[in-house]
Every structure is written in structure tokens, then in C-alpha cells.
Amino acid sequence: MGYPDTFEGFMIKDQKNWTDFHKQEFKPKKFGEHDIDIKIECCGVCGSDVHTINGGWGEAPMPICVGHEVVGKAVKVGDAVTTCKVGDRVGVGAQIWACLKCPQCKSDNENYCPHMVDTYGAPYPKDVDPDETISQGGYSSHIRAHEYFVFPIPDAIPSHLAAPMLCAGLTTWSPLVRAGVGPGKKVAIVGLGGLGHFGVIWANALGAEVTVISHSPSKKDDALKLGAKEFVTTNEKGWADKLAFTFDFVLNTADMTHTFDIKEYLSILKVNATFHQVGLPDEALPELSVNMFMPNGSSIGASHIGNRPECLAMLKLAAEKGLKPMVETVPISEKGCAEAVSRVADNKIKYRFTLTDYDKAFGARE
């Protein structure tokens, strides 16, 4: 049938065979007056994609096309769309719809809307799409999204670098700016991976003094190159002792928190500061005691992606300062998708993947 009635994507049919991608058609939601259709140019590969297709986060609706770091060209816009026009280069992150009416949405917290629709694997509300279509992501020919969740990409940012900013970038940017990170602040980034390396880039660009905390000594050079002033390895006994009461904010990007001695990480915070989690482990956190928080009045928090104003500000700063994440590319195909998710799962990537060459896989398209 083809576009605009159907899109085509590289999909997983069974979580037990999570690297077995097949190209097939799927039906998008009914086109609405605020919708934008995007011909995809490239898509970042996120740890969320892996956790979803391999069952780490539980069951997912099958078949599924993952991918929520999408960059492409707007090829169709609804009658009520005001944020972009046909031909614009735009991006979509990990959220594709929200009610835009609830108190959360009206206070620029649409990323916490109780009715939100994730970019893939989530049903649309019946009043939005009578078929309650399951959203499908960016390992595909096209994506259909509400205009509020479609972001203009500044000319100064190449598409393959812009893509991972739309999830990994925004997920780390939002908590940093909401915590007031800037000049005079000391920030620790725990973990130097896909999320963590963005945390270092943003915190440094915002003017903070950045320390990277990692279990991998081999990552020191990259940490310093990205803007960190100090590098601390947790393999050294007593690593936290010398950092007691040091940091205004600790951003934990690792997804292995269930293996941490949380008390050590809390001890490095200044009084009333926060250990903030954006890495999502498959396992539950270790047992916590109230007594752990009392020596410095510390707390633990977490956050979910970011809002539209934050995304626009992040892209603007990246363009103005020429900020560039470390990104590898791979042509999209059954083999390419399998390679990318496997290497992300095995942490064999510096530090993000972007799938490219969409015209070779899907043709020139509309």
C-alpha cells in the first residue's frame, strides 16, 4: 500500500529474538490537523531501544519498531500546524503526544503528562485515534508526530549528531538546567556512556566544574577531552572519602545502580544536594535506609526526558557553541540494526550510534 497509508520499518517480532529485525509495513495513527509526517533521514540508537526489545523493561507490544532519536524532513503538515512547514529539517525525541491540557502540560511539564504517548510501543487515546494505534519509532521510513513534539534542527548541527541529542541529550540536559547548574557549581557525572558523555558536554558548556566518576579507568582521556576537570575511578578503595561534601549535584547516568553502594554516592553531596538518576537499570535499587540521607540531608531523584522549551534551548546552545557528541554511524538494514543494538547492549560503543543511509533502505520516498 505504501505512504501515506502505511509506513515501512525494521521491526522485532519476538523479544526472545531481539536482534532479528525484519522490514515490514505498519499502519500509523490517523492523520490529525496538528500532525506532521517526517521522511526520516537518520535515527539514533538508544539504550531504551535495547531494554524494550530484549524484555529488560518487561513485555512490549509486538511487532515493534523502536527508535526515538529521529531527524528528517517534514513532508506533510496538518491544517493547524504552525511550528514548521513542508521541507523543514526537524527532529522527534522520546515523546510523540500529550494532552496539552492538564496542569503538567500547562506548566511546561508535558513530559510528565499522565496521558502521554511514547514515540514507540504506546497506544494513542481513543479520542485521538479511534483505532488506538500503537506508536512505532524511527527505524522506519516515516514517522507521524504532533507538532509540539517536532523540533526544528539548527543548520549548524549535522543530522547524525542532532539525532542522539533528542533523547540522550535532552534526558541529561533537563535535570542539569532544572538544578540550576552553571558557573560556580561543582557537578559529578556518574558513568561515561551514551548519556554520561552528554552530561559532561552540557554541564561544562553551562559553566560548571565537572568531575566524571567511572569504574573504567580507560575512559579518563575521553572525559577530559569532553570537558571534565577531574576523573575519579570507583575501583580505588575509599574513592568517595576524599570527595565528601563536594558536589552541588550528582547526575547518575549509569544503568547499574543496583550494584552501587548508595551510601558512598550520597556522601559526596553537599548539604541538601541531590543524587539524580537518569540511567534506568533493569533491576531494583539496593535496599535504602533513612539513615543514609541524614549525614548531609541528601536526597535521591529521577527525571524523564525533558520538555519542549528545554529541547529548543539545548539545540540552540549546541549550535552556538559547536558542541559535538561522540557518535558512530551505521547504515540502516537488518544487519545494521542488529549490530547497533548488540553493541549498545554490550557497551561497545563510543558513545552513541546513529542509523543512516535511509534512502538506500527505503528509497527516495515522498
Protein backbone atom coordinates (compact mmCIF):
# COMPACT_ATOMS: atom_id res chain seq x y z
CA MET A 1 0.00 0.00 0.00
CA GLY A 2 2.75 2.45 0.99
CA TYR A 3 2.89 6.04 2.22
CA PRO A 4 0.74 7.81 3.41
CA ASP A 5 -1.46 4.85 4.38
CA THR A 6 1.39 2.71 5.65
CA PHE A 7 5.00 3.24 6.69
CA GLU A 8 7.78 0.70 6.49
CA GLY A 9 10.18 -0.17 9.27
CA PHE A 10 12.74 -2.61 10.63
CA MET A 11 10.77 -4.42 13.31
CA ILE A 12 11.22 -7.06 16.01
CA LYS A 13 8.57 -9.78 16.25
CA ASP A 14 9.75 -11.62 19.38
CA GLN A 15 11.69 -10.40 22.42
CA LYS A 16 13.45 -13.77 22.59
CA ASN A 17 14.97 -12.96 19.19
CA TRP A 18 15.65 -9.30 19.83
CA THR A 19 18.37 -8.89 17.20
CA ASP A 20 16.27 -10.46 14.44
CA PHE A 21 14.98 -7.43 12.51
CA HIS A 22 12.58 -7.72 9.59
CA LYS A 23 11.47 -4.92 7.26
CA GLN A 24 7.69 -4.72 7.06
CA GLU A 25 4.82 -2.28 6.68
CA PHE A 26 2.83 -0.87 9.58
CA LYS A 27 -0.11 1.48 9.84
CA PRO A 28 0.39 4.86 11.55
CA LYS A 29 -2.24 6.67 13.58
CA LYS A 30 -4.95 8.61 11.79
CA PHE A 31 -3.52 11.90 10.48
CA GLY A 32 -4.71 14.86 12.53
CA GLU A 33 -4.75 18.60 12.00
CA HIS A 34 -1.75 19.10 14.30
CA ASP A 35 0.25 16.18 12.88
CA ILE A 36 3.46 16.29 10.89
CA ASP A 37 4.75 13.47 8.68
CA ILE A 38 8.53 13.22 8.57
CA LYS A 39 10.60 11.39 5.96
CA ILE A 40 13.34 10.03 8.16
CA GLU A 41 16.98 10.74 7.32
CA CYS A 42 18.58 9.11 10.34
CA CYS A 43 17.79 7.81 13.83
CA GLY A 44 19.86 7.41 16.96
CA VAL A 45 20.09 4.08 18.76
CA CYS A 46 19.22 4.41 22.43
CA GLY A 47 19.66 2.06 25.38
CA SER A 48 15.88 2.31 25.72
CA ASP A 49 15.57 0.54 22.37
CA VAL A 50 17.59 -2.38 23.73
CA HIS A 51 15.74 -2.58 27.06
CA THR A 52 12.45 -2.59 25.13
CA ILE A 53 13.21 -5.24 22.53
CA ASN A 54 15.09 -7.63 24.83
CA GLY A 55 12.44 -7.59 27.57
CA GLY A 56 14.61 -5.86 30.16
CA TRP A 57 11.76 -3.46 30.90
CA GLY A 58 9.05 -6.09 30.56
CA GLU A 59 6.72 -7.06 27.77
CA ALA A 60 6.30 -4.79 24.75
CA PRO A 61 3.62 -4.92 22.04
CA MET A 62 4.85 -6.96 19.10
CA PRO A 63 5.80 -6.41 16.38
CA ILE A 64 7.59 -3.22 17.31
CA CYS A 65 9.71 -0.65 15.51
CA VAL A 66 11.89 1.16 18.03
CA GLY A 67 13.91 4.35 17.71
CA HIS A 68 13.18 7.73 19.28
CA GLU A 69 16.03 9.96 18.17
CA VAL A 70 14.66 10.89 14.76
CA VAL A 71 15.83 13.51 12.27
CA GLY A 72 14.29 14.01 8.86
CA LYS A 73 12.33 16.30 6.54
CA ALA A 74 8.71 17.35 7.03
CA VAL A 75 6.76 16.08 4.03
CA LYS A 76 3.18 16.71 5.20
CA VAL A 77 1.74 19.10 7.78
CA GLY A 78 -1.75 19.32 9.22
CA ASP A 79 -4.00 22.30 8.62
CA ALA A 80 -3.50 23.62 12.16
CA VAL A 81 0.30 23.23 12.27
CA THR A 82 2.18 26.47 13.00
CA THR A 83 5.62 25.24 14.12
CA CYS A 84 7.07 24.07 10.81
CA LYS A 85 6.44 23.80 7.09
CA VAL A 86 6.97 21.17 4.41
CA GLY A 87 10.68 20.84 3.65
CA ASP A 88 11.96 21.81 7.09
CA ARG A 89 14.58 19.61 8.77
CA VAL A 90 13.10 18.54 12.08
CA GLY A 91 13.53 16.04 14.89
CA VAL A 92 11.44 13.91 17.23
CA GLY A 93 12.53 12.56 20.60
CA ALA A 94 11.12 10.02 23.04
CA GLN A 95 7.64 11.56 23.32
CA ILE A 96 5.21 11.95 20.46
CA TRP A 97 1.97 13.18 22.06
CA ALA A 98 0.46 14.62 25.25
CA CYS A 99 -2.95 16.05 26.10
CA LEU A 100 -1.55 19.62 26.41
CA LYS A 101 -4.49 20.41 28.72
CA CYS A 102 -3.59 19.02 32.15
CA PRO A 103 -1.74 21.01 34.87
CA GLN A 104 1.52 19.26 33.94
CA CYS A 105 1.26 20.20 30.27
CA LYS A 106 0.26 23.78 31.06
CA SER A 107 3.31 24.24 33.28
CA ASP A 108 5.88 23.04 30.71
CA ASN A 109 5.93 19.57 32.22
CA GLU A 110 4.32 17.76 29.31
CA ASN A 111 6.99 15.09 29.71
CA TYR A 112 5.09 14.11 32.89
CA CYS A 113 1.61 14.18 31.33
CA PRO A 114 -0.35 11.17 32.66
CA HIS A 115 -1.79 10.71 29.17
CA MET A 116 1.50 10.98 27.27
CA VAL A 117 2.29 8.71 24.33
CA ASP A 118 5.84 7.40 23.97
CA THR A 119 7.33 7.55 20.49
CA TYR A 120 7.08 3.78 20.18
CA GLY A 121 5.20 0.95 21.89
CA ALA A 122 2.35 3.04 23.30
CA PRO A 123 -1.36 3.20 22.33
CA TYR A 124 -2.92 6.51 21.35
CA PRO A 125 -6.02 7.53 23.33
CA LYS A 126 -9.25 6.57 21.59
CA ASP A 127 -10.39 10.18 21.26
CA VAL A 128 -7.16 10.95 19.37
CA ASP A 129 -7.09 7.83 17.23
CA PRO A 130 -10.22 5.65 17.11
CA ASP A 131 -8.11 2.57 16.41
CA GLU A 132 -5.91 3.23 19.48
CA THR A 133 -2.94 2.62 17.19
CA ILE A 134 0.33 1.59 18.83
CA SER A 135 3.04 4.15 18.14
CA GLN A 136 6.05 2.97 16.14
CA GLY A 137 9.50 4.51 16.12
CA GLY A 138 12.27 5.73 13.91
CA TYR A 139 13.90 2.62 12.46
CA SER A 140 11.39 3.35 9.71
CA SER A 141 10.67 5.21 6.51
CA HIS A 142 8.46 7.86 8.13
CA ILE A 143 7.14 8.99 11.48
CA ARG A 144 3.92 10.87 12.27
CA ALA A 145 4.03 13.18 15.28
CA HIS A 146 2.11 16.00 16.93
CA GLU A 147 3.74 19.33 16.10
CA TYR A 148 4.51 20.12 19.76
CA PHE A 149 6.93 17.19 19.79
CA VAL A 150 8.60 18.07 16.49
CA PHE A 151 11.68 20.30 16.87
CA PRO A 152 13.44 22.42 14.25
CA ILE A 153 17.07 21.36 13.88
CA PRO A 154 19.53 24.28 13.64
CA ASP A 155 21.53 24.36 10.41
CA ALA A 156 24.80 24.25 12.37
CA ILE A 157 24.16 20.74 13.73
CA PRO A 158 24.68 17.79 11.34
CA SER A 159 21.76 15.37 11.35
CA HIS A 160 23.71 12.37 12.65
CA LEU A 161 24.85 14.44 15.64
CA ALA A 162 21.47 16.06 16.26
CA ALA A 163 19.67 12.71 16.44
CA PRO A 164 21.09 11.46 19.77
CA MET A 165 20.56 14.90 21.31
CA LEU A 166 16.80 14.35 21.07
CA CYS A 167 16.72 11.63 23.75
CA ALA A 168 20.11 11.13 25.40
CA GLY A 169 20.92 14.81 25.11
CA LEU A 170 17.60 16.07 26.43
CA THR A 171 17.44 13.45 29.19
CA THR A 172 20.66 14.81 30.68
CA TRP A 173 20.10 18.48 29.81
CA SER A 174 16.75 18.76 31.60
CA PRO A 175 17.86 17.77 35.12
CA LEU A 176 21.01 19.88 34.85
CA VAL A 177 19.16 23.08 33.97
CA ARG A 178 16.36 22.39 36.45
CA ALA A 179 19.02 22.00 39.15
CA GLY A 180 20.44 25.42 38.27
CA VAL A 181 23.78 24.05 37.10
CA GLY A 182 26.08 26.85 35.98
CA PRO A 183 29.15 28.89 36.94
CA GLY A 184 30.33 28.27 40.49
CA LYS A 185 28.68 24.83 40.71
CA LYS A 186 30.50 21.55 41.11
CA VAL A 187 28.84 18.65 39.29
CA ALA A 188 29.68 14.95 39.20
CA ILE A 189 28.62 12.81 36.25
CA VAL A 190 28.48 9.12 37.16
CA GLY A 191 29.16 6.88 34.16
CA LEU A 192 30.72 7.91 30.86
CA GLY A 193 28.48 6.28 28.28
CA GLY A 194 25.82 7.46 25.86
CA LEU A 195 24.07 9.53 28.50
CA GLY A 196 27.08 10.40 30.61
CA HIS A 197 29.16 11.89 27.83
CA PHE A 198 26.27 14.26 27.08
CA GLY A 199 26.12 15.14 30.77
CA VAL A 200 29.77 16.19 30.67
CA ILE A 201 29.29 18.24 27.47
CA TRP A 202 26.25 20.10 28.82
CA ALA A 203 27.49 20.70 32.38
CA ASN A 204 30.79 22.06 31.07
CA ALA A 205 29.04 24.27 28.50
CA LEU A 206 26.76 25.65 31.24
CA GLY A 207 29.86 26.76 33.14
CA ALA A 208 30.05 24.17 35.94
CA GLU A 209 33.20 22.41 37.16
CA VAL A 210 32.74 18.78 36.13
CA THR A 211 34.08 15.56 37.63
CA VAL A 212 33.47 12.18 35.98
CA ILE A 213 33.06 9.16 38.25
CA SER A 214 33.54 5.85 36.44
CA HIS A 215 34.54 2.24 37.02
CA SER A 216 36.50 2.32 33.73
CA PRO A 217 39.95 3.96 34.05
CA SER A 218 40.36 3.75 30.27
CA LYS A 219 37.75 6.48 29.82
CA LYS A 220 39.78 9.20 31.54
CA ASP A 221 41.15 10.73 28.34
CA ASP A 222 37.67 10.95 26.78
CA ALA A 223 36.27 12.52 29.96
CA LEU A 224 38.90 15.24 29.97
CA LYS A 225 38.52 15.80 26.23
CA LEU A 226 34.77 16.32 26.68
CA GLY A 227 35.32 18.98 29.33
CA ALA A 228 35.72 17.27 32.70
CA LYS A 229 38.26 18.79 35.08
CA GLU A 230 38.68 15.65 37.21
CA PHE A 231 38.28 11.89 36.73
CA VAL A 232 37.67 9.50 39.62
CA THR A 233 37.60 5.73 39.35
CA THR A 234 35.42 3.76 41.73
CA ASN A 235 37.79 0.79 41.51
CA GLU A 236 40.04 2.53 44.04
CA LYS A 237 39.21 1.71 47.64
CA GLY A 238 37.99 4.74 49.56
CA TRP A 239 37.37 6.72 46.36
CA ALA A 240 34.48 8.61 47.97
CA ASP A 241 36.34 9.63 51.14
CA LYS A 242 38.25 12.48 49.53
CA LEU A 243 35.07 13.78 47.87
CA ALA A 244 32.91 14.14 51.00
CA PHE A 245 30.58 17.19 50.82
CA THR A 246 31.97 18.20 47.41
CA PHE A 247 29.18 18.32 44.83
CA ASP A 248 26.17 20.57 44.31
CA PHE A 249 24.61 17.95 42.05
CA VAL A 250 25.40 14.36 41.09
CA LEU A 251 23.91 13.11 37.83
CA ASN A 252 23.94 9.32 37.67
CA THR A 253 23.73 8.15 34.05
CA ALA A 254 24.71 4.53 34.72
CA ASP A 255 22.15 1.73 34.45
CA MET A 256 23.94 -0.40 37.06
CA THR A 257 22.74 1.45 40.17
CA HIS A 258 21.52 -1.82 41.69
CA THR A 259 25.22 -2.74 42.14
CA PHE A 260 26.19 0.57 43.83
CA ASP A 261 26.97 1.24 47.46
CA ILE A 262 24.48 4.11 47.54
CA LYS A 263 25.84 5.42 50.83
CA GLU A 264 29.16 6.24 49.14
CA TYR A 265 27.48 8.24 46.40
CA LEU A 266 25.30 10.17 48.84
CA SER A 267 28.35 11.07 50.93
CA ILE A 268 29.92 13.13 48.13
CA LEU A 269 26.98 15.57 48.05
CA LYS A 270 26.92 18.96 49.69
CA VAL A 271 24.23 19.56 52.33
CA ASN A 272 20.71 19.18 50.87
CA ALA A 273 22.05 18.28 47.42
CA THR A 274 20.63 15.54 45.17
CA PHE A 275 21.84 12.28 43.66
CA HIS A 276 19.81 12.32 40.46
CA GLN A 277 19.11 9.25 38.36
CA VAL A 278 18.58 9.19 34.59
CA GLY A 279 20.05 5.75 33.90
CA LEU A 280 17.33 3.11 34.21
CA PRO A 281 18.60 -0.29 35.43
CA ASP A 282 16.63 -3.44 34.75
CA GLU A 283 16.95 -4.37 38.45
CA ALA A 284 15.55 -2.67 41.55
CA LEU A 285 17.72 -0.32 43.58
CA PRO A 286 19.53 -1.78 46.61
CA GLU A 287 17.83 -1.55 49.98
CA LEU A 288 17.84 2.00 51.33
CA SER A 289 17.84 3.27 54.90
CA VAL A 290 16.69 6.71 56.02
CA ASN A 291 19.91 6.96 57.99
CA MET A 292 21.85 7.10 54.70
CA PHE A 293 20.39 10.53 53.93
CA MET A 294 20.80 12.17 57.34
CA PRO A 295 24.58 12.98 57.45
CA ASN A 296 24.19 15.68 54.77
CA GLY A 297 20.42 15.98 54.24
CA SER A 298 20.85 14.48 50.79
CA SER A 299 18.12 13.06 48.57
CA ILE A 300 17.64 10.82 45.54
CA GLY A 301 15.67 11.94 42.50
CA ALA A 302 14.98 10.94 38.92
CA SER A 303 13.56 12.53 35.80
CA HIS A 304 12.01 11.65 32.45
CA ILE A 305 13.33 13.16 29.19
CA GLY A 306 12.59 16.93 29.03
CA ASN A 307 10.10 19.48 27.76
CA ARG A 308 9.87 21.42 24.50
CA PRO A 309 11.40 24.69 25.77
CA GLU A 310 14.34 22.74 27.21
CA CYS A 311 14.89 20.90 23.93
CA LEU A 312 14.87 24.12 21.92
CA ALA A 313 17.31 25.77 24.35
CA MET A 314 19.60 22.73 24.25
CA LEU A 315 19.72 22.69 20.45
CA LYS A 316 20.33 26.45 20.37
CA LEU A 317 23.29 26.19 22.76
CA ALA A 318 24.75 23.22 20.88
CA ALA A 319 24.56 25.16 17.62
CA GLU A 320 26.01 28.37 19.05
CA LYS A 321 28.91 26.69 20.85
CA GLY A 322 29.58 23.99 18.25
CA LEU A 323 29.03 21.22 20.81
CA LYS A 324 29.51 17.78 19.29
CA PRO A 325 28.74 14.40 20.86
CA MET A 326 30.84 11.35 20.00
CA VAL A 327 28.74 9.40 17.50
CA GLU A 328 29.35 6.37 15.29
CA THR A 329 27.15 5.72 12.27
CA VAL A 330 25.92 2.53 10.64
CA PRO A 331 23.70 2.12 7.54
CA ILE A 332 20.19 1.01 8.45
CA SER A 333 19.36 -2.57 7.42
CA GLU A 334 18.51 -5.85 9.15
CA LYS A 335 22.22 -6.37 9.73
CA GLY A 336 22.91 -2.77 10.68
CA CYS A 337 20.12 -2.64 13.27
CA ALA A 338 21.26 -5.94 14.79
CA GLU A 339 24.86 -4.74 15.00
CA ALA A 340 23.88 -1.45 16.60
CA VAL A 341 21.60 -2.82 19.33
CA SER A 342 24.04 -5.64 20.11
CA ARG A 343 26.95 -3.27 20.57
CA VAL A 344 24.87 -0.90 22.68
CA ALA A 345 23.84 -3.85 24.87
CA ASP A 346 27.50 -4.85 25.25
CA ASN A 347 28.68 -1.25 25.85
CA LYS A 348 30.94 -1.50 22.81
CA ILE A 349 30.27 1.98 21.51
CA LYS A 350 31.84 5.44 21.88
CA TYR A 351 29.34 6.78 22.75
CA ARG A 352 26.20 6.84 20.60
CA PHE A 353 25.06 5.18 17.38
CA THR A 354 23.09 6.84 14.59
CA LEU A 355 21.48 4.77 11.85
CA THR A 356 21.94 6.42 8.43
CA ASP A 357 21.50 5.79 4.67
CA TYR A 358 17.71 5.66 4.86
CA ASP A 359 17.27 6.35 1.15
CA LYS A 360 19.17 3.16 0.34
CA ALA A 361 16.92 1.12 2.61
CA PHE A 362 13.56 2.75 1.88
CA GLY A 363 14.02 4.54 -1.45
CA ALA A 364 13.65 8.27 -2.09
CA ARG A 365 10.07 8.27 -0.69
CA GLU A 366 7.56 11.14 -0.58
